[in-house]
Every structure is written in C-alpha cells, then in structure tokens.
PDB file of N, CA and C in Angstrom:
ATOM      1  N   MET A   1     -84.699  34.319  -7.816  1.00  0.00           N
ATOM      2  CA  MET A   1     -85.202  35.425  -8.623  1.00  0.00           C
ATOM      3  C   MET A   1     -86.083  34.692  -9.668  1.00  0.00           C
ATOM      4  N   LEU A   2     -86.379  33.758  -9.547  1.00  0.00           N
ATOM      5  CA  LEU A   2     -87.303  32.388 -10.462  1.00  0.00           C
ATOM      6  C   LEU A   2     -88.915  32.569  -9.922  1.00  0.00           C
ATOM      7  N   LYS A   3     -88.753  32.444  -8.801  1.00  0.00           N
ATOM      8  CA  LYS A   3     -90.242  32.630  -7.972  1.00  0.00           C
ATOM      9  C   LYS A   3     -90.289  33.682  -8.292  1.00  0.00           C
ATOM     10  N   ARG A   4     -89.748  34.559  -7.984  1.00  0.00           N
ATOM     11  CA  ARG A   4     -90.740  36.091  -8.668  1.00  0.00           C
ATOM     12  C   ARG A   4     -91.211  36.327  -9.570  1.00  0.00           C
ATOM     13  N   THR A   5     -90.337  35.738 -10.883  1.00  0.00           N
ATOM     14  CA  THR A   5     -90.603  35.674 -12.103  1.00  0.00           C
ATOM     15  C   THR A   5     -91.802  35.224 -12.267  1.00  0.00           C
ATOM     16  N   LEU A   6     -91.544  33.646 -11.940  1.00  0.00           N
ATOM     17  CA  LEU A   6     -93.458  33.025 -11.905  1.00  0.00           C
ATOM     18  C   LEU A   6     -93.971  33.316 -11.402  1.00  0.00           C
ATOM     19  N   ALA A   7     -94.150  33.527  -9.982  1.00  0.00           N
ATOM     20  CA  ALA A   7     -95.139  35.057  -9.269  1.00  0.00           C
ATOM     21  C   ALA A   7     -95.927  35.597 -10.438  1.00  0.00           C
ATOM     22  N   ALA A   8     -94.741  37.200 -11.198  1.00  0.00           N
ATOM     23  CA  ALA A   8     -94.773  37.649 -11.851  1.00  0.00           C
ATOM     24  C   ALA A   8     -95.791  36.896 -13.130  1.00  0.00           C
ATOM     25  N   LEU A   9     -95.287  36.577 -13.789  1.00  0.00           N
ATOM     26  CA  LEU A   9     -95.830  35.930 -14.981  1.00  0.00           C
ATOM     27  C   LEU A   9     -96.993  35.019 -14.214  1.00  0.00           C
ATOM     28  N   ALA A  10     -97.263  34.317 -13.849  1.00  0.00           N
ATOM     29  CA  ALA A  10     -98.856  34.447 -12.732  1.00  0.00           C
ATOM     30  C   ALA A  10    -100.212  35.571 -12.608  1.00  0.00           C
ATOM     31  N   VAL A  11     -99.769  36.188 -12.384  1.00  0.00           N
ATOM     32  CA  VAL A  11    -100.256  37.731 -12.086  1.00  0.00           C
ATOM     33  C   VAL A  11    -100.415  38.151 -13.097  1.00  0.00           C
ATOM     34  N   ALA A  12     -99.756  38.187 -14.300  1.00  0.00           N
ATOM     35  CA  ALA A  12     -99.988  39.009 -16.014  1.00  0.00           C
ATOM     36  C   ALA A  12    -100.970  37.578 -16.242  1.00  0.00           C
ATOM     37  N   LEU A  13    -100.871  36.254 -16.471  1.00  0.00           N
ATOM     38  CA  LEU A  13    -101.949  35.468 -16.930  1.00  0.00           C
ATOM     39  C   LEU A  13    -103.225  35.240 -16.934  1.00  0.00           C
ATOM     40  N   PHE A  14    -102.979  35.608 -15.061  1.00  0.00           N
ATOM     41  CA  PHE A  14    -104.885  35.275 -14.784  1.00  0.00           C
ATOM     42  C   PHE A  14    -104.967  36.543 -14.371  1.00  0.00           C
ATOM     43  N   VAL A  15    -104.265  38.022 -14.533  1.00  0.00           N
ATOM     44  CA  VAL A  15    -104.803  39.218 -14.329  1.00  0.00           C
ATOM     45  C   VAL A  15    -105.395  39.665 -15.446  1.00  0.00           C
ATOM     46  N   ALA A  16    -104.756  39.101 -16.485  1.00  0.00           N
ATOM     47  CA  ALA A  16    -104.622  39.433 -18.270  1.00  0.00           C
ATOM     48  C   ALA A  16    -106.515  39.107 -19.279  1.00  0.00           C
ATOM     49  N   PRO A  17    -107.359  38.365 -18.638  1.00  0.00           N
ATOM     50  CA  PRO A  17    -108.515  38.001 -18.622  1.00  0.00           C
ATOM     51  C   PRO A  17    -109.344  39.151 -18.690  1.00  0.00           C
ATOM     52  N   LEU A  18    -109.032  40.320 -17.539  1.00  0.00           N
ATOM     53  CA  LEU A  18    -109.938  41.577 -16.553  1.00  0.00           C
ATOM     54  C   LEU A  18    -109.830  42.640 -17.192  1.00  0.00           C
ATOM     55  N   THR A  19    -108.558  42.667 -18.284  1.00  0.00           N
ATOM     56  CA  THR A  19    -107.960  44.136 -18.665  1.00  0.00           C
ATOM     57  C   THR A  19    -109.257  44.431 -19.998  1.00  0.00           C
ATOM     58  N   PHE A  20    -109.283  45.333 -20.309  1.00  0.00           N
ATOM     59  CA  PHE A  20    -110.275  45.412 -21.264  1.00  0.00           C
ATOM     60  C   PHE A  20    -109.233  45.604 -22.732  1.00  0.00           C
ATOM     61  N   GLY A  21    -110.370  45.145 -23.864  1.00  0.00           N
ATOM     62  CA  GLY A  21    -109.612  45.233 -25.517  1.00  0.00           C
ATOM     63  C   GLY A  21    -109.849  44.252 -26.799  1.00  0.00           C
ATOM     64  N   SER A  22    -109.288  44.167 -27.579  1.00  0.00           N
ATOM     65  CA  SER A  22    -110.157  43.586 -28.007  1.00  0.00           C
ATOM     66  C   SER A  22    -110.166  42.023 -27.534  1.00  0.00           C
ATOM     67  N   ALA A  23    -110.698  41.179 -28.218  1.00  0.00           N
ATOM     68  CA  ALA A  23    -111.135  40.173 -27.744  1.00  0.00           C
ATOM     69  C   ALA A  23    -109.818  39.529 -28.452  1.00  0.00           C
ATOM     70  N   SER A  24    -109.182  40.115 -30.181  1.00  0.00           N
ATOM     71  CA  SER A  24    -108.251  39.218 -30.494  1.00  0.00           C
ATOM     72  C   SER A  24    -106.704  39.675 -29.913  1.00  0.00           C
ATOM     73  N   ALA A  25    -106.565  40.687 -29.349  1.00  0.00           N
ATOM     74  CA  ALA A  25    -105.312  41.212 -29.004  1.00  0.00           C
ATOM     75  C   ALA A  25    -105.289  40.177 -27.215  1.00  0.00           C
ATOM     76  N   GLN A  26    -106.204  40.243 -26.668  1.00  0.00           N
ATOM     77  CA  GLN A  26    -106.693  39.645 -25.479  1.00  0.00           C
ATOM     78  C   GLN A  26    -106.226  38.009 -25.826  1.00  0.00           C
ATOM     79  N   ASP A  27    -106.862  37.701 -26.754  1.00  0.00           N
ATOM     80  CA  ASP A  27    -106.452  36.225 -27.211  1.00  0.00           C
ATOM     81  C   ASP A  27    -104.601  35.855 -27.092  1.00  0.00           C
ATOM     82  N   ALA A  28    -103.755  36.789 -28.112  1.00  0.00           N
ATOM     83  CA  ALA A  28    -102.165  37.025 -27.961  1.00  0.00           C
ATOM     84  C   ALA A  28    -101.807  37.376 -27.507  1.00  0.00           C
ATOM     85  N   LYS A  29    -102.524  37.838 -26.378  1.00  0.00           N
ATOM     86  CA  LYS A  29    -101.600  38.221 -24.938  1.00  0.00           C
ATOM     87  C   LYS A  29    -102.010  36.813 -24.092  1.00  0.00           C
ATOM     88  N   THR A  30    -102.378  36.332 -24.004  1.00  0.00           N
ATOM     89  CA  THR A  30    -102.914  34.805 -23.600  1.00  0.00           C
ATOM     90  C   THR A  30    -102.455  33.921 -23.957  1.00  0.00           C
ATOM     91  N   LYS A  31    -102.782  33.295 -25.585  1.00  0.00           N
ATOM     92  CA  LYS A  31    -101.152  33.228 -25.142  1.00  0.00           C
ATOM     93  C   LYS A  31     -99.486  33.142 -25.587  1.00  0.00           C
ATOM     94  N   LYS A  32     -98.994  34.134 -25.576  1.00  0.00           N
ATOM     95  CA  LYS A  32     -98.095  35.280 -25.036  1.00  0.00           C
ATOM     96  C   LYS A  32     -98.087  34.535 -23.451  1.00  0.00           C
ATOM     97  N   ASP A  33     -98.438  34.628 -22.362  1.00  0.00           N
ATOM     98  CA  ASP A  33     -98.307  34.250 -21.171  1.00  0.00           C
ATOM     99  C   ASP A  33     -98.672  33.122 -21.187  1.00  0.00           C
ATOM    100  N   LEU A  34     -99.175  32.531 -21.690  1.00  0.00           N
ATOM    101  CA  LEU A  34     -99.043  30.037 -21.196  1.00  0.00           C
ATOM    102  C   LEU A  34     -97.680  30.666 -21.751  1.00  0.00           C
ATOM    103  N   GLN A  35     -97.342  30.622 -22.657  1.00  0.00           N
ATOM    104  CA  GLN A  35     -95.754  30.255 -23.615  1.00  0.00           C
ATOM    105  C   GLN A  35     -95.517  30.527 -22.480  1.00  0.00           C
ATOM    106  N   SER A  36     -94.188  31.884 -21.839  1.00  0.00           N
ATOM    107  CA  SER A  36     -93.768  31.773 -21.345  1.00  0.00           C
ATOM    108  C   SER A  36     -93.517  31.532 -19.327  1.00  0.00           C
ATOM    109  N   VAL A  37     -95.386  30.962 -19.929  1.00  0.00           N
ATOM    110  CA  VAL A  37     -95.384  30.404 -18.318  1.00  0.00           C
ATOM    111  C   VAL A  37     -94.404  28.571 -19.006  1.00  0.00           C
ATOM    112  N   ILE A  38     -94.698  28.205 -19.947  1.00  0.00           N
ATOM    113  CA  ILE A  38     -94.312  26.545 -20.047  1.00  0.00           C
ATOM    114  C   ILE A  38     -92.444  27.102 -20.316  1.00  0.00           C
ATOM    115  N   LEU A  39     -92.676  27.493 -21.407  1.00  0.00           N
ATOM    116  CA  LEU A  39     -90.685  27.706 -21.073  1.00  0.00           C
ATOM    117  C   LEU A  39     -90.302  27.862 -19.749  1.00  0.00           C
ATOM    118  N   LEU A  40     -90.700  28.957 -19.065  1.00  0.00           N
ATOM    119  CA  LEU A  40     -89.854  28.561 -17.562  1.00  0.00           C
ATOM    120  C   LEU A  40     -89.907  27.801 -17.691  1.00  0.00           C
ATOM    121  N   GLN A  41     -90.789  26.796 -17.051  1.00  0.00           N
ATOM    122  CA  GLN A  41     -90.523  24.962 -16.207  1.00  0.00           C
ATOM    123  C   GLN A  41     -89.373  24.466 -17.353  1.00  0.00           C
ATOM    124  N   GLY A  42     -89.419  25.035 -18.362  1.00  0.00           N
ATOM    125  CA  GLY A  42     -88.461  24.125 -19.288  1.00  0.00           C
ATOM    126  C   GLY A  42     -89.090  23.303 -19.994  1.00  0.00           C
ATOM    127  N   LEU A  43     -90.164  23.438 -20.068  1.00  0.00           N
ATOM    128  CA  LEU A  43     -90.967  22.522 -21.237  1.00  0.00           C
ATOM    129  C   LEU A  43     -90.793  22.605 -22.601  1.00  0.00           C
ATOM    130  N   PRO A  44     -90.580  22.328 -23.658  1.00  0.00           N
ATOM    131  CA  PRO A  44     -90.816  22.291 -25.104  1.00  0.00           C
ATOM    132  C   PRO A  44     -92.057  22.333 -25.860  1.00  0.00           C
ATOM    133  N   CYS A  45     -91.345  24.111 -26.535  1.00  0.00           N
ATOM    134  CA  CYS A  45     -93.390  24.480 -27.057  1.00  0.00           C
ATOM    135  C   CYS A  45     -93.053  25.138 -28.050  1.00  0.00           C
ATOM    136  N   GLY A  46     -91.666  25.780 -28.381  1.00  0.00           N
ATOM    137  CA  GLY A  46     -91.922  26.716 -29.119  1.00  0.00           C
ATOM    138  C   GLY A  46     -93.180  27.699 -29.219  1.00  0.00           C
ATOM    139  N   SER A  47     -94.068  27.933 -29.567  1.00  0.00           N
ATOM    140  CA  SER A  47     -95.163  29.154 -29.611  1.00  0.00           C
ATOM    141  C   SER A  47     -96.244  28.525 -29.608  1.00  0.00           C
ATOM    142  N   VAL A  48     -97.053  28.979 -28.595  1.00  0.00           N
ATOM    143  CA  VAL A  48     -98.775  28.344 -28.208  1.00  0.00           C
ATOM    144  C   VAL A  48     -99.604  28.983 -29.042  1.00  0.00           C
ATOM    145  N   LYS A  49    -100.142  28.024 -29.886  1.00  0.00           N
ATOM    146  CA  LYS A  49    -100.947  28.187 -30.938  1.00  0.00           C
ATOM    147  C   LYS A  49    -101.727  28.271 -31.096  1.00  0.00           C
ATOM    148  N   SER A  50    -102.859  27.505 -29.743  1.00  0.00           N
ATOM    149  CA  SER A  50    -104.176  27.294 -29.126  1.00  0.00           C
ATOM    150  C   SER A  50    -104.530  27.195 -27.904  1.00  0.00           C
ATOM    151  N   TYR A  51    -105.421  27.740 -27.527  1.00  0.00           N
ATOM    152  CA  TYR A  51    -106.183  27.050 -25.534  1.00  0.00           C
ATOM    153  C   TYR A  51    -107.305  27.187 -25.196  1.00  0.00           C
ATOM    154  N   GLU A  52    -107.892  26.219 -24.652  1.00  0.00           N
ATOM    155  CA  GLU A  52    -108.729  26.037 -24.038  1.00  0.00           C
ATOM    156  C   GLU A  52    -108.950  26.922 -22.490  1.00  0.00           C
ATOM    157  N   LYS A  53    -109.726  27.093 -21.808  1.00  0.00           N
ATOM    158  CA  LYS A  53    -110.151  28.141 -20.793  1.00  0.00           C
ATOM    159  C   LYS A  53    -111.058  27.009 -20.656  1.00  0.00           C
ATOM    160  N   LYS A  54    -109.980  26.361 -19.419  1.00  0.00           N
ATOM    161  CA  LYS A  54    -110.949  25.241 -18.798  1.00  0.00           C
ATOM    162  C   LYS A  54    -111.779  26.067 -17.245  1.00  0.00           C
ATOM    163  N   GLY A  55    -111.687  26.894 -16.641  1.00  0.00           N
ATOM    164  CA  GLY A  55    -111.980  27.640 -15.716  1.00  0.00           C
ATOM    165  C   GLY A  55    -111.281  28.910 -15.121  1.00  0.00           C
ATOM    166  N   GLU A  56    -111.172  28.980 -13.894  1.00  0.00           N
ATOM    167  CA  GLU A  56    -110.386  30.813 -13.769  1.00  0.00           C
ATOM    168  C   GLU A  56    -109.059  30.167 -13.478  1.00  0.00           C
ATOM    169  N   ASN A  57    -108.335  30.362 -13.567  1.00  0.00           N
ATOM    170  CA  ASN A  57    -107.452  29.723 -13.858  1.00  0.00           C
ATOM    171  C   ASN A  57    -106.197  29.056 -13.821  1.00  0.00           C
ATOM    172  N   ASP A  58    -106.592  28.642 -15.036  1.00  0.00           N
ATOM    173  CA  ASP A  58    -107.257  26.696 -15.346  1.00  0.00           C
ATOM    174  C   ASP A  58    -106.906  26.488 -17.089  1.00  0.00           C
ATOM    175  N   TYR A  59    -105.438  26.484 -18.017  1.00  0.00           N
ATOM    176  CA  TYR A  59    -105.564  26.227 -19.553  1.00  0.00           C
ATOM    177  C   TYR A  59    -105.033  25.104 -19.394  1.00  0.00           C
ATOM    178  N   ILE A  60    -105.867  24.333 -21.240  1.00  0.00           N
ATOM    179  CA  ILE A  60    -105.333  23.818 -22.170  1.00  0.00           C
ATOM    180  C   ILE A  60    -104.072  24.200 -23.343  1.00  0.00           C
ATOM    181  N   ALA A  61    -103.198  24.563 -23.350  1.00  0.00           N
ATOM    182  CA  ALA A  61    -102.431  24.825 -24.094  1.00  0.00           C
ATOM    183  C   ALA A  61    -102.408  24.005 -25.517  1.00  0.00           C
ATOM    184  N   THR A  62    -101.978  24.200 -26.527  1.00  0.00           N
ATOM    185  CA  THR A  62    -101.459  23.119 -27.329  1.00  0.00           C
ATOM    186  C   THR A  62    -100.367  24.267 -28.382  1.00  0.00           C
ATOM    187  N   CYS A  63     -99.094  23.711 -28.219  1.00  0.00           N
ATOM    188  CA  CYS A  63     -98.482  24.295 -28.984  1.00  0.00           C
ATOM    189  C   CYS A  63     -98.017  24.055 -30.642  1.00  0.00           C
ATOM    190  N   GLU A  64     -96.974  24.896 -31.200  1.00  0.00           N
ATOM    191  CA  GLU A  64     -96.625  24.690 -32.122  1.00  0.00           C
ATOM    192  C   GLU A  64     -95.918  23.250 -32.788  1.00  0.00           C
ATOM    193  N   ASN A  65     -95.654  23.305 -31.568  1.00  0.00           N
ATOM    194  CA  ASN A  65     -95.061  20.602 -31.812  1.00  0.00           C
ATOM    195  C   ASN A  65     -95.569  20.245 -31.331  1.00  0.00           C
ATOM    196  N   GLY A  66     -97.541  20.367 -31.335  1.00  0.00           N
ATOM    197  CA  GLY A  66     -97.933  19.559 -30.844  1.00  0.00           C
ATOM    198  C   GLY A  66     -98.519  19.090 -29.973  1.00  0.00           C
ATOM    199  N   LYS A  67     -97.708  18.738 -28.724  1.00  0.00           N
ATOM    200  CA  LYS A  67     -97.582  18.813 -27.332  1.00  0.00           C
ATOM    201  C   LYS A  67     -98.162  19.570 -26.876  1.00  0.00           C
ATOM    202  N   ARG A  68     -99.169  19.062 -25.248  1.00  0.00           N
ATOM    203  CA  ARG A  68    -100.177  19.713 -24.728  1.00  0.00           C
ATOM    204  C   ARG A  68     -99.850  19.946 -23.454  1.00  0.00           C
ATOM    205  N   TYR A  69     -99.895  20.630 -22.293  1.00  0.00           N
ATOM    206  CA  TYR A  69    -100.103  21.208 -21.378  1.00  0.00           C
ATOM    207  C   TYR A  69    -101.632  22.208 -20.671  1.00  0.00           C
ATOM    208  N   HIS A  70    -101.444  21.824 -19.424  1.00  0.00           N
ATOM    209  CA  HIS A  70    -102.338  22.193 -18.475  1.00  0.00           C
ATOM    210  C   HIS A  70    -101.365  22.604 -17.515  1.00  0.00           C
ATOM    211  N   VAL A  71    -102.180  24.771 -17.474  1.00  0.00           N
ATOM    212  CA  VAL A  71    -101.586  25.784 -16.818  1.00  0.00           C
ATOM    213  C   VAL A  71    -102.318  25.658 -16.548  1.00  0.00           C
ATOM    214  N   PHE A  72    -102.466  25.424 -15.022  1.00  0.00           N
ATOM    215  CA  PHE A  72    -102.856  26.080 -13.465  1.00  0.00           C
ATOM    216  C   PHE A  72    -102.303  26.933 -12.293  1.00  0.00           C
ATOM    217  N   VAL A  73    -103.436  27.118 -11.809  1.00  0.00           N
ATOM    218  CA  VAL A  73    -102.446  27.680  -9.962  1.00  0.00           C
ATOM    219  C   VAL A  73    -103.349  26.819  -9.472  1.00  0.00           C
ATOM    220  N   ASP A  74    -102.546  25.784  -8.671  1.00  0.00           N
ATOM    221  CA  ASP A  74    -102.392  25.164  -7.203  1.00  0.00           C
ATOM    222  C   ASP A  74    -102.239  25.447  -6.130  1.00  0.00           C
ATOM    223  N   GLN A  75    -102.948  26.659  -5.204  1.00  0.00           N
ATOM    224  CA  GLN A  75    -102.245  26.625  -3.817  1.00  0.00           C
ATOM    225  C   GLN A  75    -101.280  28.072  -3.993  1.00  0.00           C
ATOM    226  N   GLY A  76    -101.392  28.406  -5.146  1.00  0.00           N
ATOM    227  CA  GLY A  76    -100.579  29.457  -5.177  1.00  0.00           C
ATOM    228  C   GLY A  76     -99.690  29.324  -6.157  1.00  0.00           C
ATOM    229  N   ARG A  77     -99.558  28.923  -6.536  1.00  0.00           N
ATOM    230  CA  ARG A  77     -98.317  28.107  -7.160  1.00  0.00           C
ATOM    231  C   ARG A  77     -98.741  27.938  -9.235  1.00  0.00           C
ATOM    232  N   VAL A  78     -98.111  28.028 -10.317  1.00  0.00           N
ATOM    233  CA  VAL A  78     -98.098  28.449 -11.369  1.00  0.00           C
ATOM    234  C   VAL A  78     -98.163  26.848 -11.061  1.00  0.00           C
ATOM    235  N   GLN A  79     -98.714  25.901 -11.844  1.00  0.00           N
ATOM    236  CA  GLN A  79     -98.231  24.043 -12.285  1.00  0.00           C
ATOM    237  C   GLN A  79     -98.987  24.201 -13.547  1.00  0.00           C
ATOM    238  N   VAL A  80     -97.508  23.712 -14.391  1.00  0.00           N
ATOM    239  CA  VAL A  80     -96.940  22.820 -15.936  1.00  0.00           C
ATOM    240  C   VAL A  80     -97.740  21.529 -15.441  1.00  0.00           C
ATOM    241  N   VAL A  81     -98.005  20.485 -16.337  1.00  0.00           N
ATOM    242  CA  VAL A  81     -98.225  19.773 -16.167  1.00  0.00           C
ATOM    243  C   VAL A  81     -98.506  19.715 -18.234  1.00  0.00           C
ATOM    244  N   ALA A  82     -97.920  17.974 -18.469  1.00  0.00           N
ATOM    245  CA  ALA A  82     -97.753  17.392 -19.699  1.00  0.00           C
ATOM    246  C   ALA A  82     -98.803  16.989 -20.067  1.00  0.00           C
ATOM    247  N   GLN A  83    -100.182  16.697 -21.381  1.00  0.00           N
ATOM    248  CA  GLN A  83    -100.966  16.099 -21.182  1.00  0.00           C
ATOM    249  C   GLN A  83    -100.569  14.797 -21.847  1.00  0.00           C
TER     250      GLN A  83
END
C-alpha cells in the first residue's frame, strides 16, 4: 500500500508541471506534493515554504521548520535526502 501511495504521489509531483493553470496555483500544488512526499518518508517538515527546481524530477524543498530536503526520482523511485 505504501509503495502504491508513493508511486501515486511521485506521478502527481512530476506530472503536475505539465498541467495548465495559473503559476501561483501550480506553485501551491507543487509545494503540497513535495510536503506529502516528505511526510510519507517520516521526515519532519510541517509545510513546504519554498522550493527550487534543479531539473526534471529534481527539487530542493525548504520547510517551515527550516529543514531542507532534496526530493528526486532515482531508478523510478522517489528519494528524499536531508540537506
């Protein structure tokens, strides 16, 4: 079940930039998707305050608690690494 949930979130996180809509709505969706992925990994975050897109399927997320996480896809799996 957890693998399916992570896979679904990964798809949502990385397909989201392809959807059309306002930039601010897309920004809020990406923040929420990053937050969900981080929390599903059991890492403390609260909410994602900002993020930086490093490349395709590659983000640096900054949480409200000051922690930063590198969220990316490696060999088809979502990885979250504390910075």
